[in-house]
């Protein structure tokens, strides 16, 4: 299944007029989230160095 990332300008438009805006450290927190076995293939990506999936 394809899961495209939202466009940043669309996301910022949705935030316009919001009373609250928060941020989190995704770089540190991302690897702390467990991924269901069936969903690991959705994390796959390809680089010139090879094919990768997160465990």
Protein backbone atom coordinates (compact mmCIF):
# COMPACT_ATOMS: atom_id res chain seq x y z
CA UNK A 1 0.00 0.00 0.00
CA UNK A 2 1.19 3.50 -0.80
CA UNK A 3 1.28 5.98 2.08
CA UNK A 4 2.28 9.41 0.73
CA UNK A 5 3.53 12.08 3.10
CA UNK A 6 1.30 15.13 3.42
CA UNK A 7 2.46 18.29 1.69
CA UNK A 8 4.00 20.70 4.18
CA UNK A 9 2.10 23.70 2.77
CA UNK A 10 -1.22 21.83 3.20
CA UNK A 11 -0.29 20.98 6.78
CA UNK A 12 0.66 24.58 7.56
CA UNK A 13 -2.63 25.79 6.04
CA UNK A 14 -4.52 23.45 8.36
CA UNK A 15 -2.61 24.89 11.35
CA UNK A 16 -3.51 28.48 10.43
CA UNK A 17 -5.58 30.03 13.21
CA UNK A 18 -4.72 27.28 15.67
CA UNK A 19 -4.41 28.23 19.29
CA UNK A 20 -1.87 25.55 20.10
CA UNK A 21 1.14 24.28 18.25
CA UNK A 22 3.54 21.76 19.69
CA UNK A 23 6.57 19.88 18.52
CA UNK A 24 8.26 16.65 19.48
CA UNK A 25 11.71 15.28 18.94
CA UNK A 26 10.96 12.69 16.28
CA UNK A 27 14.62 11.87 15.80
CA UNK A 28 14.87 10.50 19.34
CA UNK A 29 11.32 9.26 19.74
CA UNK A 30 10.87 7.48 16.42
CA UNK A 31 12.91 4.44 17.34
CA UNK A 32 11.01 4.02 20.62
CA UNK A 33 7.74 3.18 18.87
CA UNK A 34 7.09 -0.51 18.32
CA UNK A 35 5.96 -1.48 14.84
CA UNK A 36 3.48 -4.30 14.25
CA UNK A 37 5.04 -7.12 12.23
CA UNK A 38 2.42 -6.69 9.48
CA UNK A 39 3.29 -2.96 9.17
CA UNK A 40 7.08 -3.23 8.90
CA UNK A 41 6.94 -3.41 5.10
CA UNK A 42 5.38 0.07 5.13
CA UNK A 43 8.65 1.46 6.53
CA UNK A 44 10.69 0.15 3.60
CA UNK A 45 12.85 2.45 1.52
CA UNK A 46 15.58 2.08 -1.09
CA UNK A 47 18.89 3.92 -1.30
CA UNK A 48 21.90 3.43 -3.55
CA UNK A 49 23.29 1.30 -0.69
CA UNK A 50 20.35 -1.11 -0.58
CA UNK A 51 16.81 -1.85 0.58
CA UNK A 52 15.91 -1.24 4.24
CA UNK A 53 12.99 -1.88 6.59
CA UNK A 54 12.73 -0.85 10.21
CA UNK A 55 12.37 -3.56 12.84
